[in-house]
C-alpha atoms as a PDB file:
ATOM      1  CA  MET A   1      77.204  91.991 130.738  1.00  0.00           C
ATOM      2  CA  ALA A   2      81.496  92.364 130.424  1.00  0.00           C
ATOM      3  CA  ASP A   3      84.122  90.080 129.337  1.00  0.00           C
ATOM      4  CA  VAL A   4      87.800  89.918 128.781  1.00  0.00           C
ATOM      5  CA  ILE A   5      89.379  89.968 126.119  1.00  0.00           C
ATOM      6  CA  THR A   6      92.927  89.711 124.507  1.00  0.00           C
ATOM      7  CA  CYS A   7      93.660  91.800 121.535  1.00  0.00           C
ATOM      8  CA  PRO A   8      96.278  91.076 118.613  1.00  0.00           C
ATOM      9  CA  SER A   9      99.533  92.223 120.400  1.00  0.00           C
ATOM     10  CA  GLY A  10      99.253  90.971 123.859  1.00  0.00           C
ATOM     11  CA  LEU A  11      96.750  93.754 125.130  1.00  0.00           C
ATOM     12  CA  GLN A  12      94.193  92.706 127.324  1.00  0.00           C
ATOM     13  CA  GLY A  13      90.908  93.961 128.990  1.00  0.00           C
ATOM     14  CA  ARG A  14      87.812  93.765 130.125  1.00  0.00           C
ATOM     15  CA  VAL A  15      85.407  95.285 128.058  1.00  0.00           C
ATOM     16  CA  ARG A  16      81.473  95.372 127.647  1.00  0.00           C
ATOM     17  CA  GLY A  17      79.007  95.619 125.818  1.00  0.00           C
ATOM     18  CA  MET A  18      76.843  99.169 124.640  1.00  0.00           C
ATOM     19  CA  LYS A  19      74.466 101.022 126.723  1.00  0.00           C
ATOM     20  CA  VAL A  20      71.664 103.005 125.309  1.00  0.00           C
ATOM     21  CA  ARG A  21      74.206 106.723 126.350  1.00  0.00           C
ATOM     22  CA  GLU A  22      76.527 105.551 123.737  1.00  0.00           C
ATOM     23  CA  GLU A  23      73.458 106.214 120.474  1.00  0.00           C
ATOM     24  CA  ARG A  24      74.026 110.055 121.380  1.00  0.00           C
ATOM     25  CA  VAL A  25      78.097 108.879 120.021  1.00  0.00           C
ATOM     26  CA  LEU A  26      76.691 107.160 117.198  1.00  0.00           C
ATOM     27  CA  ALA A  27      73.912 110.015 116.146  1.00  0.00           C
ATOM     28  CA  ASP A  28      77.042 112.604 116.342  1.00  0.00           C
ATOM     29  CA  ARG A  29      77.348 113.972 113.116  1.00  0.00           C
ATOM     30  CA  LYS A  30      80.645 115.779 114.010  1.00  0.00           C
ATOM     31  CA  LEU A  31      82.005 113.250 115.706  1.00  0.00           C
ATOM     32  CA  ALA A  32      81.554 110.804 112.054  1.00  0.00           C
ATOM     33  CA  LYS A  33      83.238 113.773 110.457  1.00  0.00           C
ATOM     34  CA  SER A  34      85.867 113.505 112.563  1.00  0.00           C
ATOM     35  CA  GLY A  35      86.627 110.244 113.762  1.00  0.00           C
ATOM     36  CA  GLY A  36      86.187 110.608 117.634  1.00  0.00           C
ATOM     37  CA  GLN A  37      83.043 108.635 117.557  1.00  0.00           C
ATOM     38  CA  VAL A  38      85.962 105.035 117.281  1.00  0.00           C
ATOM     39  CA  ASP A  39      87.235 106.567 120.802  1.00  0.00           C
ATOM     40  CA  GLU A  40      84.590 108.040 122.065  1.00  0.00           C
ATOM     41  CA  LEU A  41      83.126 104.316 122.478  1.00  0.00           C
ATOM     42  CA  LEU A  42      85.866 102.217 123.187  1.00  0.00           C
ATOM     43  CA  ALA A  43      86.406 104.571 126.045  1.00  0.00           C
ATOM     44  CA  ALA A  44      82.957 103.996 127.317  1.00  0.00           C
ATOM     45  CA  CYS A  45      83.197 100.061 126.469  1.00  0.00           C
ATOM     46  CA  TRP A  46      86.966  99.999 127.691  1.00  0.00           C
ATOM     47  CA  GLU A  47      86.301  98.759 131.742  1.00  0.00           C
ATOM     48  CA  GLU A  48      89.609  97.873 132.621  1.00  0.00           C
ATOM     49  CA  THR A  49      93.872  97.033 131.590  1.00  0.00           C
ATOM     50  CA  LEU A  50      94.416  93.611 133.242  1.00  0.00           C
ATOM     51  CA  ASP A  51      97.565  93.529 130.879  1.00  0.00           C
ATOM     52  CA  PRO A  52      98.844  96.140 129.160  1.00  0.00           C
ATOM     53  CA  GLY A  53     101.336  94.686 126.413  1.00  0.00           C
ATOM     54  CA  PRO A  54     103.477  96.596 124.030  1.00  0.00           C
ATOM     55  CA  TYR A  55     101.546  99.968 126.115  1.00  0.00           C
ATOM     56  CA  ALA A  56     103.807 101.725 128.254  1.00  0.00           C
ATOM     57  CA  LEU A  57     101.259 102.317 131.668  1.00  0.00           C
ATOM     58  CA  ALA A  58     102.233 103.748 135.192  1.00  0.00           C
ATOM     59  CA  GLU A  59     100.681 101.776 137.630  1.00  0.00           C
ATOM     60  CA  GLY A  60      97.502 103.504 138.683  1.00  0.00           C
ATOM     61  CA  ALA A  61      96.944 104.963 135.451  1.00  0.00           C
ATOM     62  CA  GLN A  62      94.024 103.913 132.710  1.00  0.00           C
ATOM     63  CA  LEU A  63      95.624 103.557 128.975  1.00  0.00           C
ATOM     64  CA  ASP A  64      95.348 106.301 126.633  1.00  0.00           C
ATOM     65  CA  LEU A  65      93.957 103.812 123.663  1.00  0.00           C
ATOM     66  CA  GLY A  66      94.933 106.850 121.409  1.00  0.00           C
ATOM     67  CA  LYS A  67      97.798 105.593 121.432  1.00  0.00           C
ATOM     68  CA  ALA A  68      96.953 101.596 120.668  1.00  0.00           C
ATOM     69  CA  LEU A  69      97.888 100.484 117.421  1.00  0.00           C
ATOM     70  CA  GLN A  70      93.985 100.371 114.666  1.00  0.00           C
ATOM     71  CA  GLY A  71      94.303  96.457 115.240  1.00  0.00           C
ATOM     72  CA  ASP A  72      93.966  96.382 118.701  1.00  0.00           C
ATOM     73  CA  ARG A  73      91.234  98.998 118.509  1.00  0.00           C
ATOM     74  CA  PHE A  74      89.208  96.625 115.570  1.00  0.00           C
ATOM     75  CA  PHE A  75      89.803  94.196 117.669  1.00  0.00           C
ATOM     76  CA  ALA A  76      88.009  95.513 121.012  1.00  0.00           C
ATOM     77  CA  LEU A  77      85.495  96.724 118.034  1.00  0.00           C
ATOM     78  CA  LEU A  78      83.909  93.883 117.514  1.00  0.00           C
ATOM     79  CA  MET A  79      84.077  91.847 120.886  1.00  0.00           C
ATOM     80  CA  VAL A  80      81.852  95.187 121.923  1.00  0.00           C
ATOM     81  CA  ARG A  81      79.310  94.869 119.293  1.00  0.00           C
ATOM     82  CA  ALA A  82      79.430  91.251 120.134  1.00  0.00           C
ATOM     83  CA  LEU A  83      79.300  91.434 122.857  1.00  0.00           C
ATOM     84  CA  THR A  84      76.550  93.810 122.668  1.00  0.00           C
ATOM     85  CA  TYR A  85      73.935  92.118 120.209  1.00  0.00           C
ATOM     86  CA  GLY A  86      76.310  88.616 120.213  1.00  0.00           C
ATOM     87  CA  PRO A  87      78.040  87.505 118.148  1.00  0.00           C
ATOM     88  CA  GLU A  88      76.262  86.819 114.397  1.00  0.00           C
ATOM     89  CA  TYR A  89      76.177  90.005 112.448  1.00  0.00           C
ATOM     90  CA  ALA A  90      73.989  89.872 109.027  1.00  0.00           C
ATOM     91  CA  PHE A  91      74.242  92.179 106.374  1.00  0.00           C
ATOM     92  CA  GLY A  92      73.686  92.720 102.746  1.00  0.00           C
ATOM     93  CA  VAL A  93      75.556  92.952  99.782  1.00  0.00           C
ATOM     94  CA  SER A  94      75.521  92.924  95.417  1.00  0.00           C
ATOM     95  CA  CYS A  95      76.532  90.098  93.458  1.00  0.00           C
ATOM     96  CA  ARG A  96      79.783  91.202  91.160  1.00  0.00           C
ATOM     97  CA  ASN A  97      78.536  88.919  89.116  1.00  0.00           C
ATOM     98  CA  ASP A  98      77.230  91.756  86.064  1.00  0.00           C
ATOM     99  CA  ASN A  99      75.432  89.149  84.557  1.00  0.00           C
ATOM    100  CA  CYS A 100      72.896  88.139  87.907  1.00  0.00           C
ATOM    101  CA  ARG A 101      73.969  91.049  90.897  1.00  0.00           C
ATOM    102  CA  ALA A 102      70.957  89.224  92.431  1.00  0.00           C
ATOM    103  CA  ARG A 103      71.481  90.157  95.917  1.00  0.00           C
ATOM    104  CA  ILE A 104      73.608  88.339  98.568  1.00  0.00           C
ATOM    105  CA  ASP A 105      72.603  88.326 102.354  1.00  0.00           C
ATOM    106  CA  TRP A 106      74.976  87.044 104.398  1.00  0.00           C
ATOM    107  CA  GLU A 107      76.027  86.179 108.163  1.00  0.00           C
ATOM    108  CA  ILE A 108      79.293  85.350 109.815  1.00  0.00           C
ATOM    109  CA  ASP A 109      80.153  85.120 113.548  1.00  0.00           C
ATOM    110  CA  LEU A 110      82.715  88.192 114.749  1.00  0.00           C
ATOM    111  CA  THR A 111      84.660  86.087 117.451  1.00  0.00           C
ATOM    112  CA  LYS A 112      85.682  83.624 114.711  1.00  0.00           C
ATOM    113  CA  LEU A 113      87.358  86.006 111.684  1.00  0.00           C
ATOM    114  CA  PRO A 114      91.062  85.126 112.213  1.00  0.00           C
ATOM    115  CA  VAL A 115      93.364  87.008 113.909  1.00  0.00           C
ATOM    116  CA  ARG A 116      96.767  88.464 113.524  1.00  0.00           C
ATOM    117  CA  LYS A 117      98.937  88.859 115.907  1.00  0.00           C
ATOM    118  CA  LEU A 118     101.680  90.852 116.707  1.00  0.00           C
ATOM    119  CA  SER A 119     104.884  89.362 116.639  1.00  0.00           C
ATOM    120  CA  GLU A 120     108.025  89.271 119.095  1.00  0.00           C
ATOM    121  CA  GLU A 121     110.264  91.163 115.654  1.00  0.00           C
ATOM    122  CA  SER A 122     107.349  93.831 115.227  1.00  0.00           C
ATOM    123  CA  ARG A 123     106.678  94.089 118.820  1.00  0.00           C
ATOM    124  CA  VAL A 124     110.612  94.994 120.157  1.00  0.00           C
ATOM    125  CA  ALA A 125     110.489  97.603 117.169  1.00  0.00           C
ATOM    126  CA  PHE A 126     107.161  99.394 118.251  1.00  0.00           C
ATOM    127  CA  VAL A 127     107.947  99.673 122.082  1.00  0.00           C
ATOM    128  CA  GLY A 128     111.504 101.023 120.674  1.00  0.00           C
ATOM    129  CA  GLY A 129     109.519 104.513 118.823  1.00  0.00           C
ATOM    130  CA  ASN A 130     107.078 102.205 115.980  1.00  0.00           C
ATOM    131  CA  ARG A 131     109.790 102.953 113.345  1.00  0.00           C
ATOM    132  CA  PHE A 132     110.297  99.912 110.620  1.00  0.00           C
ATOM    133  CA  GLU A 133     112.329  98.802 107.842  1.00  0.00           C
ATOM    134  CA  THR A 134     111.708  97.336 104.387  1.00  0.00           C
ATOM    135  CA  THR A 135     113.542  98.083 101.584  1.00  0.00           C
ATOM    136  CA  LEU A 136     112.059  99.021  97.975  1.00  0.00           C
ATOM    137  CA  PRO A 137     112.373  96.318  94.927  1.00  0.00           C
ATOM    138  CA  ASP A 138     112.861  98.439  92.133  1.00  0.00           C
ATOM    139  CA  ALA A 139     113.828 101.802  93.522  1.00  0.00           C
ATOM    140  CA  GLY A 140     116.893 100.135  95.765  1.00  0.00           C
ATOM    141  CA  LYS A 141     115.870 102.926  98.458  1.00  0.00           C
ATOM    142  CA  LYS A 142     115.294 101.229 102.503  1.00  0.00           C
ATOM    143  CA  VAL A 143     111.935 103.184 103.977  1.00  0.00           C
ATOM    144  CA  ALA A 144     111.040 103.617 107.417  1.00  0.00           C
ATOM    145  CA  PHE A 145     107.475 103.457 107.867  1.00  0.00           C
ATOM    146  CA  LYS A 146     105.299 103.737 111.707  1.00  0.00           C
ATOM    147  CA  LEU A 147     101.893 101.830 112.796  1.00  0.00           C
ATOM    148  CA  LEU A 148      98.987 103.286 112.318  1.00  0.00           C
ATOM    149  CA  THR A 149      97.484 104.250 116.186  1.00  0.00           C
ATOM    150  CA  GLY A 150      94.606 105.021 117.502  1.00  0.00           C
ATOM    151  CA  ASP A 151      96.120 108.885 116.901  1.00  0.00           C
ATOM    152  CA  ASP A 152      96.807 108.422 113.452  1.00  0.00           C
ATOM    153  CA  GLU A 153      93.340 106.936 112.821  1.00  0.00           C
ATOM    154  CA  ARG A 154      91.328 110.164 113.421  1.00  0.00           C
ATOM    155  CA  LYS A 155      93.893 111.742 111.113  1.00  0.00           C
ATOM    156  CA  LEU A 156      92.597 109.721 108.706  1.00  0.00           C
ATOM    157  CA  PRO A 157      88.918 111.016 107.131  1.00  0.00           C
ATOM    158  CA  ALA A 158      90.746 113.842 106.549  1.00  0.00           C
ATOM    159  CA  LEU A 159      93.396 113.390 104.937  1.00  0.00           C
ATOM    160  CA  GLN A 160      90.817 111.387 102.893  1.00  0.00           C
ATOM    161  CA  ARG A 161      89.315 114.383 102.042  1.00  0.00           C
ATOM    162  CA  SER A 162      92.205 117.028 101.127  1.00  0.00           C
ATOM    163  CA  ALA A 163      93.355 114.625  98.714  1.00  0.00           C
ATOM    164  CA  PRO A 164      90.876 112.039  97.033  1.00  0.00           C
ATOM    165  CA  ASP A 165      92.388 111.621  93.720  1.00  0.00           C
ATOM    166  CA  LYS A 166      95.536 111.072  95.005  1.00  0.00           C
ATOM    167  CA  LEU A 167      94.707 108.608  98.544  1.00  0.00           C
ATOM    168  CA  LEU A 168      97.933 106.018  98.241  1.00  0.00           C
ATOM    169  CA  SER A 169      99.760 108.288  96.987  1.00  0.00           C
ATOM    170  CA  ALA A 170      98.807 110.819 100.224  1.00  0.00           C
ATOM    171  CA  VAL A 171      98.570 107.770 103.384  1.00  0.00           C
ATOM    172  CA  LEU A 172     101.838 106.515 102.073  1.00  0.00           C
ATOM    173  CA  ALA A 173     103.081 109.956 102.961  1.00  0.00           C
ATOM    174  CA  TYR A 174     101.684 109.799 106.206  1.00  0.00           C
ATOM    175  CA  ARG A 175     103.179 106.695 107.078  1.00  0.00           C
ATOM    176  CA  VAL A 176     106.621 106.405 105.837  1.00  0.00           C
ATOM    177  CA  LEU A 177     108.616 108.430 108.436  1.00  0.00           C
ATOM    178  CA  GLU A 178     111.995 108.720 106.145  1.00  0.00           C
ATOM    179  CA  ILE A 179     113.603 107.186 102.767  1.00  0.00           C
ATOM    180  CA  ASP A 180     116.705 106.182 102.347  1.00  0.00           C
ATOM    181  CA  GLY A 181     118.104 109.282 100.580  1.00  0.00           C
ATOM    182  CA  VAL A 182     115.357 111.352 100.110  1.00  0.00           C
ATOM    183  CA  ASP A 183     114.486 115.599 101.389  1.00  0.00           C
ATOM    184  CA  ALA A 184     111.950 114.817 103.892  1.00  0.00           C
ATOM    185  CA  LYS A 185     110.483 118.104 101.101  1.00  0.00           C
ATOM    186  CA  ALA A 186     110.624 115.601  98.328  1.00  0.00           C
ATOM    187  CA  LYS A 187     109.195 112.561 100.051  1.00  0.00           C
ATOM    188  CA  ARG A 188     105.741 112.848  98.892  1.00  0.00           C
ATOM    189  CA  GLN A 189     107.041 113.174  94.845  1.00  0.00           C
ATOM    190  CA  PHE A 190     109.069 110.686  95.518  1.00  0.00           C
ATOM    191  CA  LEU A 191     106.621 107.860  96.516  1.00  0.00           C
ATOM    192  CA  GLU A 192     103.929 109.081  93.752  1.00  0.00           C
ATOM    193  CA  ASP A 193     106.994 108.258  91.218  1.00  0.00           C
ATOM    194  CA  LEU A 194     107.147 104.914  93.029  1.00  0.00           C
ATOM    195  CA  THR A 195     106.574 102.628  90.386  1.00  0.00           C
ATOM    196  CA  MET A 196     103.222 100.607  91.286  1.00  0.00           C
ATOM    197  CA  ARG A 197     105.372  97.033  92.394  1.00  0.00           C
ATOM    198  CA  ASP A 198     107.207  99.241  95.262  1.00  0.00           C
ATOM    199  CA  ALA A 199     103.514 100.634  96.469  1.00  0.00           C
ATOM    200  CA  ASP A 200     102.761  97.218  96.365  1.00  0.00           C
ATOM    201  CA  SER A 201     105.708  95.667  98.238  1.00  0.00           C
ATOM    202  CA  LEU A 202     105.817  98.501 100.868  1.00  0.00           C
ATOM    203  CA  VAL A 203     102.071  98.245 101.472  1.00  0.00           C
ATOM    204  CA  ASP A 204     102.782  94.572 101.650  1.00  0.00           C
ATOM    205  CA  GLU A 205     105.435  94.721 104.421  1.00  0.00           C
ATOM    206  CA  PHE A 206     102.844  97.252 105.817  1.00  0.00           C
ATOM    207  CA  ASP A 207     100.863  94.257 106.760  1.00  0.00           C
ATOM    208  CA  ARG A 208     102.783  92.294 107.468  1.00  0.00           C
ATOM    209  CA  VAL A 209     105.067  93.417 110.443  1.00  0.00           C
ATOM    210  CA  ASP A 210     101.608  94.582 111.782  1.00  0.00           C
ATOM    211  CA  CYS A 211      98.740  92.971 113.875  1.00  0.00           C
ATOM    212  CA  GLY A 212      94.336  93.551 113.573  1.00  0.00           C
ATOM    213  CA  VAL A 213      91.122  90.960 112.157  1.00  0.00           C
ATOM    214  CA  ASP A 214      91.658  89.110 107.786  1.00  0.00           C
ATOM    215  CA  THR A 215      88.409  90.834 107.386  1.00  0.00           C
ATOM    216  CA  THR A 216      88.128  89.620 103.891  1.00  0.00           C
ATOM    217  CA  ILE A 217      84.892  87.306 103.678  1.00  0.00           C
ATOM    218  CA  GLU A 218      84.366  84.555 101.084  1.00  0.00           C
ATOM    219  CA  ILE A 219      80.946  84.439 100.082  1.00  0.00           C
ATOM    220  CA  GLU A 220      78.676  82.539  97.369  1.00  0.00           C
ATOM    221  CA  CYS A 221      75.573  83.737  95.076  1.00  0.00           C
ATOM    222  CA  PRO A 222      72.544  81.910  95.941  1.00  0.00           C
ATOM    223  CA  GLU A 223      70.972  83.081  92.087  1.00  0.00           C
ATOM    224  CA  CYS A 224      74.699  82.094  90.142  1.00  0.00           C
ATOM    225  CA  PHE A 225      76.659  80.145  92.949  1.00  0.00           C
ATOM    226  CA  GLN A 226      79.831  81.934  92.098  1.00  0.00           C
ATOM    227  CA  THR A 227      81.814  82.670  94.833  1.00  0.00           C
ATOM    228  CA  GLN A 228      83.592  86.450  95.791  1.00  0.00           C
ATOM    229  CA  GLU A 229      85.605  88.049  98.457  1.00  0.00           C
ATOM    230  CA  VAL A 230      84.948  90.281 100.044  1.00  0.00           C
ATOM    231  CA  GLU A 231      85.507  93.036 103.036  1.00  0.00           C
ATOM    232  CA  LEU A 232      83.441  93.066 106.708  1.00  0.00           C
ATOM    233  CA  PRO A 233      81.253  96.606 106.007  1.00  0.00           C
ATOM    234  CA  PHE A 234      82.100  98.288 108.306  1.00  0.00           C
ATOM    235  CA  ASP A 235      79.619 100.823 108.017  1.00  0.00           C
ATOM    236  CA  LYS A 236      76.775 102.863 110.414  1.00  0.00           C
ATOM    237  CA  GLY A 237      75.060  99.693 110.725  1.00  0.00           C
ATOM    238  CA  PHE A 238      77.162  98.074 111.988  1.00  0.00           C
ATOM    239  CA  PHE A 239      76.133  98.798 115.635  1.00  0.00           C
ATOM    240  CA  LEU A 240      72.370  98.368 114.466  1.00  0.00           C
ATOM    241  CA  PRO A 241      70.944  94.920 116.127  1.00  0.00           C
ATOM    242  CA  GLY A 242      70.953  92.692 113.647  1.00  0.00           C
ATOM    243  CA  LYS A 243      68.116  91.613 111.586  1.00  0.00           C
ATOM    244  CA  ASP A 244      66.443  88.761 114.084  1.00  0.00           C
ATOM    245  CA  ARG A 245      65.722  91.484 116.765  1.00  0.00           C
ATOM    246  CA  THR A 246      65.141  93.483 114.004  1.00  0.00           C
ATOM    247  CA  ALA A 247      62.222  91.587 112.912  1.00  0.00           C
ATOM    248  CA  ARG A 248      60.764  90.271 115.586  1.00  0.00           C
ATOM    249  CA  ARG A 249      60.541  94.522 116.465  1.00  0.00           C
ATOM    250  CA  LYS A 250      58.970  95.086 113.176  1.00  0.00           C
ATOM    251  CA  ALA A 251      56.358  91.980 114.537  1.00  0.00           C
ATOM    252  CA  ARG A 252      55.505  93.196 117.425  1.00  0.00           C
ATOM    253  CA  SER A 253      54.575  96.755 116.240  1.00  0.00           C
ATOM    254  CA  SER A 254      52.603  94.574 113.800  1.00  0.00           C
ATOM    255  CA  SER A 255      50.513  92.640 116.131  1.00  0.00           C
ATOM    256  CA  SER A 256      50.196  95.714 118.183  1.00  0.00           C
ATOM    257  CA  PRO A 257      46.196  96.865 118.108  1.00  0.00           C
ATOM    258  CA  THR A 258      46.256 100.768 116.440  1.00  0.00           C
END
């Protein structure tokens, strides 16, 4: 089954659900470690580009999804999952109330998650070289940064492994292109010495100018009735069948003659 989707940047294309042959992509540990699973799945399930949106695309050429914004890629993955198993996605988490810790089973409709579209201002800046600017409130320095694309996304796992104890400064250093009055060699040290207010301001600006899907979900514990916000779980189980389909398989298996 295929459907036409419009991504947050305005990119429009025809995508299909996963087929059995895509199972090898999900099972490939080397791809998982390198961050290449998303590229492989999108390349397999993206059938046609109808409107390239902010991406340069020569007539007759195929869209390079490695150049697509991270928000577009994630949105497309959600739609691929919805087309494969249906829009409902069930997951379970533990209640955060220390006096409860009950398991919370929750289900959402992936097609109903809030989408942040790429603004015209951001589109112009992205097309013009993917360069954005902001001023840090405490340091008073002007900072130039970029939005993350698929090519950047592929490098993040290695970045996380290389600096597990300095993840925030490592990610900031990767995204920041230039700091007014700071030599390129001193950029990492400058970012490590930022006040948390400046760091929060910078991350907020990343989010403000970017596009994507809001994956923060409010759920309620069935035991203590406390509401809490959680992030949509996005792990290897995301591309597996939903609980209803799994339950039907178990029922068929248990009713089979031995």
